[in-house]
Amino acid sequence: MLQSREIQEIIPHRYPFLMVDRIIELEEGKRAVGIKNVSGNEPFFQGHFPGHPIMPGVLIMEALAQVGAVVILKLPAYVGYLALFAGLDNVKFRGQVIPGDQLRLEVELIKSRKTFGVAQGKAYVGEELVAEGTLKFFLQKNPAQ
């Protein structure tokens, strides 16, 4: 299990763009399960939509991508790398995510090459599948290190 501080040692995201609170399962280079507790205090709820707040789908996909980045970047070959979003395929939004929900973010690595990775992600609230898609990553050395 990885807590927020440990996640921040792997990926460069910080509040308000760190979308993963913890990783509860991790098979390095294979799969991971992350948790995002959705709070009514999230800054995006101020404008999406006031009076009926719904988490933007693009941020659900970002949360899945961050879990995917942890899966890839925990591999010894990619220590000191960045996993940059390169694309999304077959994205489907199947339900709403609202304040008080807990997102379960399941990501499985499909393939990784020296500079490219592909993963399949699914987001759940309880047992309900709320979003899914194929995530593509460009992998590069972190210039800040």
Protein backbone atom coordinates (compact mmCIF):
# COMPACT_ATOMS: atom_id res chain seq x y z
CA MET A 1 0.00 0.00 0.00
CA LEU A 2 1.24 3.50 -0.86
CA GLN A 3 0.07 6.65 0.91
CA SER A 4 -0.09 10.11 -0.67
CA ARG A 5 3.46 11.06 0.31
CA GLU A 6 4.86 7.88 -1.27
CA ILE A 7 2.82 8.47 -4.44
CA GLN A 8 4.30 11.97 -4.65
CA GLU A 9 7.80 10.43 -4.63
CA ILE A 10 6.88 8.53 -7.83
CA ILE A 11 4.79 11.06 -9.80
CA PRO A 12 5.25 14.85 -9.75
CA HIS A 13 1.58 15.77 -9.20
CA ARG A 14 0.61 17.96 -6.25
CA TYR A 15 -2.62 19.47 -4.95
CA PRO A 16 -4.96 20.25 -6.60
CA PHE A 17 -3.85 17.93 -9.42
CA LEU A 18 -2.90 14.87 -7.39
CA MET A 19 -6.02 12.75 -7.97
CA VAL A 20 -5.02 9.62 -6.03
CA ASP A 21 -5.19 9.43 -2.24
CA ARG A 22 -3.58 6.01 -1.89
CA ILE A 23 -2.65 2.84 -3.74
CA ILE A 24 -4.16 -0.20 -2.02
CA GLU A 25 -2.85 -2.90 -4.38
CA LEU A 26 0.28 -2.86 -6.51
CA GLU A 27 1.89 -5.46 -8.75
CA GLU A 28 4.80 -3.49 -10.18
CA GLY A 29 4.72 -3.48 -13.95
CA LYS A 30 1.36 -5.27 -14.04
CA ARG A 31 -1.53 -3.60 -12.21
CA ALA A 32 -2.60 -1.36 -9.37
CA VAL A 33 -5.71 -0.26 -7.52
CA GLY A 34 -5.93 3.30 -6.27
CA ILE A 35 -8.45 5.19 -4.15
CA LYS A 36 -9.72 8.74 -4.63
CA ASN A 37 -12.02 10.09 -1.93
CA VAL A 38 -14.25 12.65 -3.62
CA SER A 39 -14.89 15.62 -1.34
CA GLY A 40 -17.33 18.47 -1.80
CA ASN A 41 -14.35 20.77 -1.19
CA GLU A 42 -12.70 19.80 -4.50
CA PRO A 43 -12.01 23.02 -6.44
CA PHE A 44 -13.61 21.73 -9.66
CA PHE A 45 -17.04 21.46 -7.97
CA GLN A 46 -17.26 25.26 -7.80
CA GLY A 47 -17.95 25.36 -11.52
CA HIS A 48 -19.05 21.82 -12.46
CA PHE A 49 -22.01 22.14 -11.73
CA PRO A 50 -23.00 24.47 -8.87
CA GLY A 51 -26.08 23.12 -7.12
CA HIS A 52 -25.60 19.66 -8.68
CA PRO A 53 -21.85 18.89 -8.43
CA ILE A 54 -20.51 16.14 -10.72
CA MET A 55 -16.83 15.19 -11.03
CA PRO A 56 -15.68 15.94 -14.59
CA GLY A 57 -15.05 12.79 -16.60
CA VAL A 58 -11.70 14.06 -17.80
CA LEU A 59 -10.54 14.21 -14.15
CA ILE A 60 -11.65 10.63 -13.59
CA MET A 61 -9.48 9.65 -16.55
CA GLU A 62 -6.62 11.73 -15.11
CA ALA A 63 -6.95 9.81 -11.82
CA LEU A 64 -6.77 6.51 -13.73
CA ALA A 65 -3.71 7.78 -15.62
CA GLN A 66 -1.98 8.67 -12.36
CA VAL A 67 -2.51 5.14 -11.06
CA GLY A 68 -1.18 3.85 -14.39
CA ALA A 69 1.87 6.08 -14.05
CA VAL A 70 2.60 4.57 -10.64
CA VAL A 71 2.40 1.04 -12.13
CA ILE A 72 4.95 1.92 -14.82
CA LEU A 73 7.23 4.20 -12.81
CA LYS A 74 7.69 1.68 -10.00
CA LEU A 75 9.60 -0.51 -12.45
CA PRO A 76 13.38 -0.18 -11.88
CA ALA A 77 13.94 0.71 -15.55
CA TYR A 78 11.75 3.81 -15.18
CA VAL A 79 12.95 5.29 -11.90
CA GLY A 80 13.55 8.99 -12.58
CA TYR A 81 11.14 9.05 -15.54
CA LEU A 82 7.91 10.92 -16.19
CA ALA A 83 4.82 9.22 -17.60
CA LEU A 84 3.16 11.85 -19.79
CA PHE A 85 -0.40 11.41 -21.06
CA ALA A 86 -0.16 10.56 -24.77
CA GLY A 87 -3.75 9.62 -25.52
CA LEU A 88 -7.03 7.97 -24.65
CA ASP A 89 -8.99 5.38 -26.61
CA ASN A 90 -12.38 3.73 -26.13
CA VAL A 91 -13.36 5.99 -23.23
CA LYS A 92 -16.83 5.46 -21.84
CA PHE A 93 -18.52 7.30 -19.00
CA ARG A 94 -21.21 5.17 -17.40
CA GLY A 95 -22.20 7.00 -14.22
CA GLN A 96 -21.86 10.17 -12.21
CA VAL A 97 -19.33 10.76 -9.46
CA ILE A 98 -20.51 13.15 -6.76
CA PRO A 99 -19.20 14.49 -3.43
CA GLY A 100 -18.97 11.74 -0.83
CA ASP A 101 -18.18 9.01 -3.38
CA GLN A 102 -15.04 6.93 -3.22
CA LEU A 103 -13.48 6.09 -6.57
CA ARG A 104 -11.79 2.72 -6.90
CA LEU A 105 -9.29 3.10 -9.76
CA GLU A 106 -8.19 -0.20 -11.32
CA VAL A 107 -5.42 -0.09 -13.92
CA GLU A 108 -3.74 -2.95 -15.76
CA LEU A 109 -0.62 -2.40 -17.85
CA ILE A 110 -1.10 -3.84 -21.33
CA LYS A 111 2.38 -3.09 -22.69
CA SER A 112 5.41 -0.94 -22.12
CA ARG A 113 8.32 -0.22 -24.37
CA LYS A 114 11.31 2.00 -23.72
CA THR A 115 9.40 5.26 -24.33
CA PHE A 116 5.74 4.21 -24.51
CA GLY A 117 3.16 2.47 -22.33
CA VAL A 118 -0.47 1.39 -22.70
CA ALA A 119 -2.86 0.52 -19.87
CA GLN A 120 -6.53 -0.32 -19.43
CA GLY A 121 -8.31 1.59 -16.67
CA LYS A 122 -11.66 1.19 -14.94
CA ALA A 123 -13.17 3.46 -12.29
CA TYR A 124 -15.82 2.25 -9.87
CA VAL A 125 -18.03 3.77 -7.20
CA GLY A 126 -18.93 0.80 -5.04
CA GLU A 127 -19.70 -1.97 -7.54
CA GLU A 128 -20.83 0.46 -10.28
CA LEU A 129 -18.48 0.97 -13.23
CA VAL A 130 -18.50 4.75 -13.81
CA ALA A 131 -15.72 5.15 -16.40
CA GLU A 132 -13.27 3.12 -18.44
CA GLY A 133 -10.75 3.55 -21.21
CA THR A 134 -7.36 2.76 -22.68
CA LEU A 135 -4.60 5.06 -21.44
CA LYS A 136 -1.44 5.80 -23.44
CA PHE A 137 1.77 7.17 -21.94
CA PHE A 138 4.93 8.71 -23.33
CA LEU A 139 7.84 7.88 -21.02
CA GLN A 140 10.76 10.28 -20.74
CA LYS A 141 13.60 11.02 -18.33
CA ASN A 142 12.54 13.61 -15.76
CA PRO A 143 14.52 16.75 -16.65
CA ALA A 144 14.16 18.00 -13.05
CA GLN A 145 16.31 15.13 -11.75
